[in-house]
């Protein structure tokens, strides 16, 4: 697997902006519980080395739906609350009025104001305006890890949580906000991992430019030969 980014890419300038704007907006995120640190470090190492943890399988889906991530048929079930991985990608600050066409993007912070220098650095084509609004997005279209292949569903078994990582987390450097995937409900061997990309899930399909497909964890499954089989349509 060529997508081997263990964690989001966040440069120092954007990191500083996020801390400032989240504070000014009163966005106080919950902190990642320390019990997940070692699990996240372990999966980060695996992603860097192999791209995909051994208990997961990436397979092409029928109907031109791209690829999906499945729990290996010989693995133990994944239990509610287990950590899966960081959602990795590049954090970008963009004008807020741009069309939302990111099928692999999560919105982190909106309604942000930039200084003149920040606008010059991050939005070089526009003339400075103090009231222009910007948003921060985490986009895995070009750079990411296996989580970008976890498909969208209105009935997910995986949930995305936006959490803060403080400075005292050892090998995990601090971050004002980070998307982390957790198991939402028990995932059985052979089932596909699915997440809801947006609240309610009703607006995901338009920017993806593909026909809406009502997918559940039982729509496609892996048999013991690692073949994708269609359960329901």
C-alpha atoms as a PDB file:
ATOM      1  CA  UNK A   1       0.000   0.000   0.000  1.00  0.00           C
ATOM      2  CA  UNK A   2       1.463   3.339  -1.081  1.00  0.00           C
ATOM      3  CA  UNK A   3      -0.443   5.438   1.453  1.00  0.00           C
ATOM      4  CA  UNK A   4       1.829   5.193   4.493  1.00  0.00           C
ATOM      5  CA  UNK A   5       1.363   8.494   6.303  1.00  0.00           C
ATOM      6  CA  UNK A   6       1.135   7.632  10.024  1.00  0.00           C
ATOM      7  CA  UNK A   7      -0.468  10.892  11.102  1.00  0.00           C
ATOM      8  CA  UNK A   8      -1.668  14.241   9.781  1.00  0.00           C
ATOM      9  CA  UNK A   9       0.805  16.683   8.229  1.00  0.00           C
ATOM     10  CA  UNK A  10       0.543  19.969  10.130  1.00  0.00           C
ATOM     11  CA  UNK A  11       3.153  22.660   9.600  1.00  0.00           C
ATOM     12  CA  UNK A  12       4.088  25.096  12.371  1.00  0.00           C
ATOM     13  CA  UNK A  13       2.374  28.129  10.842  1.00  0.00           C
ATOM     14  CA  UNK A  14      -0.993  26.388  10.465  1.00  0.00           C
ATOM     15  CA  UNK A  15      -0.616  24.799  13.894  1.00  0.00           C
ATOM     16  CA  UNK A  16      -0.185  28.257  15.428  1.00  0.00           C
ATOM     17  CA  UNK A  17      -3.255  29.548  13.569  1.00  0.00           C
ATOM     18  CA  UNK A  18      -5.363  26.634  14.768  1.00  0.00           C
ATOM     19  CA  UNK A  19      -4.385  27.145  18.410  1.00  0.00           C
ATOM     20  CA  UNK A  20      -5.215  30.865  18.156  1.00  0.00           C
ATOM     21  CA  UNK A  21      -8.500  30.524  16.286  1.00  0.00           C
ATOM     22  CA  UNK A  22      -9.794  27.629  18.377  1.00  0.00           C
ATOM     23  CA  UNK A  23      -9.070  29.625  21.524  1.00  0.00           C
ATOM     24  CA  UNK A  24     -10.790  32.733  20.178  1.00  0.00           C
ATOM     25  CA  UNK A  25     -13.859  30.677  19.194  1.00  0.00           C
ATOM     26  CA  UNK A  26     -13.962  28.817  22.503  1.00  0.00           C
ATOM     27  CA  UNK A  27     -13.480  25.444  20.834  1.00  0.00           C
ATOM     28  CA  UNK A  28     -12.356  23.306  23.759  1.00  0.00           C
ATOM     29  CA  UNK A  29     -11.789  19.794  22.509  1.00  0.00           C
ATOM     30  CA  UNK A  30     -11.613  16.733  24.693  1.00  0.00           C
ATOM     31  CA  UNK A  31      -8.106  15.337  25.184  1.00  0.00           C
ATOM     32  CA  UNK A  32      -7.100  11.957  23.831  1.00  0.00           C
ATOM     33  CA  UNK A  33      -7.232   9.488  26.766  1.00  0.00           C
ATOM     34  CA  UNK A  34      -3.751   8.289  27.663  1.00  0.00           C
ATOM     35  CA  UNK A  35      -4.821   4.638  27.476  1.00  0.00           C
ATOM     36  CA  UNK A  36      -4.759   4.924  23.664  1.00  0.00           C
ATOM     37  CA  UNK A  37      -1.205   6.254  23.345  1.00  0.00           C
ATOM     38  CA  UNK A  38       0.600   2.938  22.972  1.00  0.00           C
ATOM     39  CA  UNK A  39      -1.998   1.568  20.573  1.00  0.00           C
ATOM     40  CA  UNK A  40      -1.651   4.633  18.354  1.00  0.00           C
ATOM     41  CA  UNK A  41       2.138   4.516  18.425  1.00  0.00           C
ATOM     42  CA  UNK A  42       2.003   0.841  17.453  1.00  0.00           C
ATOM     43  CA  UNK A  43      -0.321   1.418  14.512  1.00  0.00           C
ATOM     44  CA  UNK A  44       1.738   4.435  13.378  1.00  0.00           C
ATOM     45  CA  UNK A  45       4.825   2.239  13.239  1.00  0.00           C
ATOM     46  CA  UNK A  46       2.956  -0.436  11.295  1.00  0.00           C
ATOM     47  CA  UNK A  47       1.611   2.122   8.810  1.00  0.00           C
ATOM     48  CA  UNK A  48       5.118   3.498   8.171  1.00  0.00           C
ATOM     49  CA  UNK A  49       6.537   0.014   7.624  1.00  0.00           C
ATOM     50  CA  UNK A  50       3.722  -1.902   5.926  1.00  0.00           C
ATOM     51  CA  UNK A  51       0.878   0.507   5.293  1.00  0.00           C
ATOM     52  CA  UNK A  52      -1.797  -1.766   6.737  1.00  0.00           C
ATOM     53  CA  UNK A  53      -2.138  -3.606  10.086  1.00  0.00           C
ATOM     54  CA  UNK A  54      -2.153  -7.387   9.694  1.00  0.00           C
ATOM     55  CA  UNK A  55      -5.705  -7.775  11.021  1.00  0.00           C
ATOM     56  CA  UNK A  56      -7.092  -5.590   8.210  1.00  0.00           C
ATOM     57  CA  UNK A  57      -7.432  -6.219   4.480  1.00  0.00           C
ATOM     58  CA  UNK A  58      -7.829  -3.690   1.656  1.00  0.00           C
ATOM     59  CA  UNK A  59      -9.872  -5.037  -1.276  1.00  0.00           C
ATOM     60  CA  UNK A  60     -11.473  -3.677  -4.421  1.00  0.00           C
ATOM     61  CA  UNK A  61     -15.274  -3.484  -4.277  1.00  0.00           C
ATOM     62  CA  UNK A  62     -17.717  -4.232  -7.102  1.00  0.00           C
ATOM     63  CA  UNK A  63     -19.891  -1.614  -8.849  1.00  0.00           C
ATOM     64  CA  UNK A  64     -16.943   0.794  -9.312  1.00  0.00           C
ATOM     65  CA  UNK A  65     -17.048   1.680  -5.617  1.00  0.00           C
ATOM     66  CA  UNK A  66     -13.276   1.770  -5.227  1.00  0.00           C
ATOM     67  CA  UNK A  67     -11.526  -0.035  -2.391  1.00  0.00           C
ATOM     68  CA  UNK A  68     -12.655  -0.885   1.109  1.00  0.00           C
ATOM     69  CA  UNK A  69     -11.101  -1.959   4.393  1.00  0.00           C
ATOM     70  CA  UNK A  70     -12.222  -5.243   5.947  1.00  0.00           C
ATOM     71  CA  UNK A  71     -11.493  -7.061   9.185  1.00  0.00           C
ATOM     72  CA  UNK A  72      -9.559 -10.214   8.282  1.00  0.00           C
ATOM     73  CA  UNK A  73     -11.817 -13.298   8.456  1.00  0.00           C
ATOM     74  CA  UNK A  74      -9.354 -15.028  10.819  1.00  0.00           C
ATOM     75  CA  UNK A  75      -9.105 -12.084  13.247  1.00  0.00           C
ATOM     76  CA  UNK A  76     -10.860 -11.516  16.552  1.00  0.00           C
ATOM     77  CA  UNK A  77     -13.801  -9.079  16.519  1.00  0.00           C
ATOM     78  CA  UNK A  78     -13.033  -5.404  17.055  1.00  0.00           C
ATOM     79  CA  UNK A  79     -14.828  -4.171  20.154  1.00  0.00           C
ATOM     80  CA  UNK A  80     -16.597  -0.895  20.726  1.00  0.00           C
ATOM     81  CA  UNK A  81     -14.178   1.792  21.886  1.00  0.00           C
ATOM     82  CA  UNK A  82     -11.047   0.251  20.376  1.00  0.00           C
ATOM     83  CA  UNK A  83      -8.783   2.715  18.604  1.00  0.00           C
ATOM     84  CA  UNK A  84      -8.186   2.095  14.896  1.00  0.00           C
ATOM     85  CA  UNK A  85      -5.793   4.812  13.755  1.00  0.00           C
ATOM     86  CA  UNK A  86      -5.209   8.471  13.099  1.00  0.00           C
ATOM     87  CA  UNK A  87      -6.963   9.728   9.980  1.00  0.00           C
ATOM     88  CA  UNK A  88      -3.896  10.917   8.130  1.00  0.00           C
ATOM     89  CA  UNK A  89      -3.662  13.622   5.509  1.00  0.00           C
ATOM     90  CA  UNK A  90      -2.503  17.173   4.954  1.00  0.00           C
ATOM     91  CA  UNK A  91      -3.971  20.028   7.000  1.00  0.00           C
ATOM     92  CA  UNK A  92      -4.678  22.993   4.736  1.00  0.00           C
ATOM     93  CA  UNK A  93      -6.119  26.445   5.312  1.00  0.00           C
ATOM     94  CA  UNK A  94      -8.413  27.472   2.461  1.00  0.00           C
ATOM     95  CA  UNK A  95     -10.856  30.296   1.704  1.00  0.00           C
ATOM     96  CA  UNK A  96     -14.174  29.330   3.199  1.00  0.00           C
ATOM     97  CA  UNK A  97     -16.169  30.178   0.058  1.00  0.00           C
ATOM     98  CA  UNK A  98     -14.499  27.523  -2.085  1.00  0.00           C
ATOM     99  CA  UNK A  99     -16.738  24.662  -3.336  1.00  0.00           C
ATOM    100  CA  UNK A 100     -16.660  21.616  -1.074  1.00  0.00           C
ATOM    101  CA  UNK A 101     -15.337  18.946  -3.443  1.00  0.00           C
ATOM    102  CA  UNK A 102     -13.144  16.964  -1.080  1.00  0.00           C
ATOM    103  CA  UNK A 103     -14.275  13.348  -0.911  1.00  0.00           C
ATOM    104  CA  UNK A 104     -11.429  12.545   1.477  1.00  0.00           C
ATOM    105  CA  UNK A 105     -11.549  15.712   3.583  1.00  0.00           C
ATOM    106  CA  UNK A 106     -12.668  16.483   7.117  1.00  0.00           C
ATOM    107  CA  UNK A 107     -13.438  20.030   8.198  1.00  0.00           C
ATOM    108  CA  UNK A 108     -11.473  20.913  11.336  1.00  0.00           C
ATOM    109  CA  UNK A 109     -12.111  24.597  12.088  1.00  0.00           C
ATOM    110  CA  UNK A 110     -14.212  27.154  10.233  1.00  0.00           C
ATOM    111  CA  UNK A 111     -14.785  30.936  10.411  1.00  0.00           C
ATOM    112  CA  UNK A 112     -11.092  31.680  10.865  1.00  0.00           C
ATOM    113  CA  UNK A 113      -9.467  35.086  10.333  1.00  0.00           C
ATOM    114  CA  UNK A 114      -5.901  35.399   9.081  1.00  0.00           C
ATOM    115  CA  UNK A 115      -3.394  38.186   9.467  1.00  0.00           C
ATOM    116  CA  UNK A 116      -2.071  39.957   6.399  1.00  0.00           C
ATOM    117  CA  UNK A 117       1.106  37.871   6.441  1.00  0.00           C
ATOM    118  CA  UNK A 118      -0.842  34.634   6.902  1.00  0.00           C
ATOM    119  CA  UNK A 119      -3.116  35.456   3.971  1.00  0.00           C
ATOM    120  CA  UNK A 120      -0.065  36.253   1.845  1.00  0.00           C
ATOM    121  CA  UNK A 121       1.566  32.953   2.768  1.00  0.00           C
ATOM    122  CA  UNK A 122      -1.506  30.713   2.481  1.00  0.00           C
ATOM    123  CA  UNK A 123      -3.693  32.439  -0.097  1.00  0.00           C
ATOM    124  CA  UNK A 124      -1.273  34.068  -2.512  1.00  0.00           C
ATOM    125  CA  UNK A 125      -3.770  34.723  -5.309  1.00  0.00           C
ATOM    126  CA  UNK A 126      -6.113  36.899  -3.228  1.00  0.00           C
ATOM    127  CA  UNK A 127      -5.828  40.512  -2.148  1.00  0.00           C
ATOM    128  CA  UNK A 128      -5.705  40.903   1.615  1.00  0.00           C
ATOM    129  CA  UNK A 129      -9.029  41.479   3.326  1.00  0.00           C
ATOM    130  CA  UNK A 130      -9.282  41.460   7.151  1.00  0.00           C
ATOM    131  CA  UNK A 131     -12.819  40.009   7.189  1.00  0.00           C
ATOM    132  CA  UNK A 132     -12.248  37.178   4.732  1.00  0.00           C
ATOM    133  CA  UNK A 133     -13.056  33.844   6.346  1.00  0.00           C
ATOM    134  CA  UNK A 134     -10.971  30.693   6.090  1.00  0.00           C
ATOM    135  CA  UNK A 135     -11.398  27.081   7.118  1.00  0.00           C
ATOM    136  CA  UNK A 136      -8.930  24.341   8.012  1.00  0.00           C
ATOM    137  CA  UNK A 137      -9.377  20.952   6.385  1.00  0.00           C
ATOM    138  CA  UNK A 138      -7.648  17.616   6.783  1.00  0.00           C
ATOM    139  CA  UNK A 139      -7.421  16.159   3.272  1.00  0.00           C
ATOM    140  CA  UNK A 140      -6.220  12.634   2.473  1.00  0.00           C
ATOM    141  CA  UNK A 141      -6.694  12.785  -1.293  1.00  0.00           C
ATOM    142  CA  UNK A 142      -2.968  12.880  -2.131  1.00  0.00           C
ATOM    143  CA  UNK A 143      -1.392  11.842   1.178  1.00  0.00           C
ATOM    144  CA  UNK A 144      -2.875   9.573   3.808  1.00  0.00           C
ATOM    145  CA  UNK A 145      -3.028   6.068   5.184  1.00  0.00           C
ATOM    146  CA  UNK A 146      -5.394   3.099   5.043  1.00  0.00           C
ATOM    147  CA  UNK A 147      -8.157   5.060   6.792  1.00  0.00           C
ATOM    148  CA  UNK A 148      -8.841   6.925   3.526  1.00  0.00           C
ATOM    149  CA  UNK A 149     -10.206   3.615   2.166  1.00  0.00           C
ATOM    150  CA  UNK A 150     -12.725   3.213   4.995  1.00  0.00           C
ATOM    151  CA  UNK A 151     -15.930   3.909   3.119  1.00  0.00           C
ATOM    152  CA  UNK A 152     -18.844   6.140   3.980  1.00  0.00           C
ATOM    153  CA  UNK A 153     -22.079   4.752   5.416  1.00  0.00           C
ATOM    154  CA  UNK A 154     -25.187   6.202   7.019  1.00  0.00           C
ATOM    155  CA  UNK A 155     -24.994   3.261   9.464  1.00  0.00           C
ATOM    156  CA  UNK A 156     -21.287   3.188  10.405  1.00  0.00           C
ATOM    157  CA  UNK A 157     -19.423   0.813  12.677  1.00  0.00           C
ATOM    158  CA  UNK A 158     -16.509   3.262  12.966  1.00  0.00           C
ATOM    159  CA  UNK A 159     -16.647   6.803  14.333  1.00  0.00           C
ATOM    160  CA  UNK A 160     -14.344   9.758  13.770  1.00  0.00           C
ATOM    161  CA  UNK A 161     -13.533  11.839  16.840  1.00  0.00           C
ATOM    162  CA  UNK A 162     -11.721  15.169  16.808  1.00  0.00           C
ATOM    163  CA  UNK A 163      -9.468  15.313  19.855  1.00  0.00           C
ATOM    164  CA  UNK A 164      -6.608  17.424  21.181  1.00  0.00           C
ATOM    165  CA  UNK A 165      -3.171  16.047  22.016  1.00  0.00           C
ATOM    166  CA  UNK A 166      -1.310  18.030  24.709  1.00  0.00           C
ATOM    167  CA  UNK A 167       2.450  18.345  25.078  1.00  0.00           C
ATOM    168  CA  UNK A 168       2.928  15.603  27.666  1.00  0.00           C
ATOM    169  CA  UNK A 169       2.132  12.617  25.456  1.00  0.00           C
ATOM    170  CA  UNK A 170       5.688  11.373  24.961  1.00  0.00           C
ATOM    171  CA  UNK A 171       6.317  10.258  21.377  1.00  0.00           C
ATOM    172  CA  UNK A 172       3.016  11.745  20.227  1.00  0.00           C
ATOM    173  CA  UNK A 173       3.741  15.399  19.552  1.00  0.00           C
ATOM    174  CA  UNK A 174       1.111  17.953  20.524  1.00  0.00           C
ATOM    175  CA  UNK A 175      -1.734  18.922  18.245  1.00  0.00           C
ATOM    176  CA  UNK A 176      -4.671  21.330  18.686  1.00  0.00           C
ATOM    177  CA  UNK A 177      -6.980  18.944  16.830  1.00  0.00           C
ATOM    178  CA  UNK A 178      -6.638  15.534  15.260  1.00  0.00           C
ATOM    179  CA  UNK A 179      -9.107  13.104  13.709  1.00  0.00           C
ATOM    180  CA  UNK A 180      -8.892   9.621  15.239  1.00  0.00           C
ATOM    181  CA  UNK A 181     -10.965   6.600  14.228  1.00  0.00           C
ATOM    182  CA  UNK A 182     -12.516   4.388  16.905  1.00  0.00           C
ATOM    183  CA  UNK A 183     -14.754   1.322  16.750  1.00  0.00           C
ATOM    184  CA  UNK A 184     -18.357   2.510  17.129  1.00  0.00           C
ATOM    185  CA  UNK A 185     -19.934  -0.931  17.433  1.00  0.00           C
ATOM    186  CA  UNK A 186     -18.562  -4.458  17.324  1.00  0.00           C
ATOM    187  CA  UNK A 187     -17.026  -5.407  13.997  1.00  0.00           C
ATOM    188  CA  UNK A 188     -17.034  -9.101  13.180  1.00  0.00           C
ATOM    189  CA  UNK A 189     -14.436 -10.976  11.088  1.00  0.00           C
ATOM    190  CA  UNK A 190     -14.984 -10.437   7.373  1.00  0.00           C
ATOM    191  CA  UNK A 191     -17.033  -7.266   7.829  1.00  0.00           C
ATOM    192  CA  UNK A 192     -16.200  -3.981   6.155  1.00  0.00           C
ATOM    193  CA  UNK A 193     -15.198  -0.972   8.277  1.00  0.00           C
ATOM    194  CA  UNK A 194     -17.478   2.001   7.586  1.00  0.00           C
ATOM    195  CA  UNK A 195     -17.562   5.569   8.854  1.00  0.00           C
ATOM    196  CA  UNK A 196     -19.964   8.492   8.428  1.00  0.00           C
ATOM    197  CA  UNK A 197     -17.991  11.350   6.875  1.00  0.00           C
ATOM    198  CA  UNK A 198     -20.583  14.003   7.684  1.00  0.00           C
ATOM    199  CA  UNK A 199     -23.321  14.498  10.263  1.00  0.00           C
ATOM    200  CA  UNK A 200     -26.373  12.678   9.004  1.00  0.00           C
ATOM    201  CA  UNK A 201     -24.445  11.365   6.012  1.00  0.00           C
ATOM    202  CA  UNK A 202     -26.819  12.913   3.472  1.00  0.00           C
ATOM    203  CA  UNK A 203     -24.425  15.350   1.770  1.00  0.00           C
ATOM    204  CA  UNK A 204     -21.433  13.060   1.217  1.00  0.00           C
ATOM    205  CA  UNK A 205     -22.366  11.763  -2.221  1.00  0.00           C
ATOM    206  CA  UNK A 206     -22.672  15.064  -4.088  1.00  0.00           C
ATOM    207  CA  UNK A 207     -18.967  16.084  -3.986  1.00  0.00           C
ATOM    208  CA  UNK A 208     -17.875  12.476  -4.566  1.00  0.00           C
ATOM    209  CA  UNK A 209     -19.667  12.612  -7.970  1.00  0.00           C
ATOM    210  CA  UNK A 210     -20.844   9.017  -7.768  1.00  0.00           C
ATOM    211  CA  UNK A 211     -24.332   7.606  -7.421  1.00  0.00           C
ATOM    212  CA  UNK A 212     -25.399   7.250  -3.755  1.00  0.00           C
ATOM    213  CA  UNK A 213     -24.916   3.701  -2.507  1.00  0.00           C
ATOM    214  CA  UNK A 214     -26.492   2.591   0.754  1.00  0.00           C
ATOM    215  CA  UNK A 215     -23.682   0.494   2.221  1.00  0.00           C
ATOM    216  CA  UNK A 216     -23.721  -1.389   5.523  1.00  0.00           C
ATOM    217  CA  UNK A 217     -21.152  -3.626   7.191  1.00  0.00           C
ATOM    218  CA  UNK A 218     -22.978  -6.630   5.718  1.00  0.00           C
ATOM    219  CA  UNK A 219     -23.313  -5.405   2.119  1.00  0.00           C
ATOM    220  CA  UNK A 220     -19.879  -6.783   1.228  1.00  0.00           C
ATOM    221  CA  UNK A 221     -17.878  -9.255   3.272  1.00  0.00           C
ATOM    222  CA  UNK A 222     -14.683 -11.261   2.942  1.00  0.00           C
ATOM    223  CA  UNK A 223     -14.720 -15.033   2.893  1.00  0.00           C
ATOM    224  CA  UNK A 224     -11.766 -17.069   4.150  1.00  0.00           C
ATOM    225  CA  UNK A 225     -10.120 -16.993   0.731  1.00  0.00           C
ATOM    226  CA  UNK A 226     -10.197 -13.149   1.026  1.00  0.00           C
ATOM    227  CA  UNK A 227     -12.707 -12.881  -1.802  1.00  0.00           C
ATOM    228  CA  UNK A 228     -15.272 -10.081  -1.603  1.00  0.00           C
ATOM    229  CA  UNK A 229     -18.779 -11.510  -1.591  1.00  0.00           C
ATOM    230  CA  UNK A 230     -22.012  -9.563  -1.932  1.00  0.00           C
ATOM    231  CA  UNK A 231     -24.444 -10.210   0.891  1.00  0.00           C
ATOM    232  CA  UNK A 232     -27.166  -7.668   0.170  1.00  0.00           C
ATOM    233  CA  UNK A 233     -27.856  -4.923  -2.343  1.00  0.00           C
END
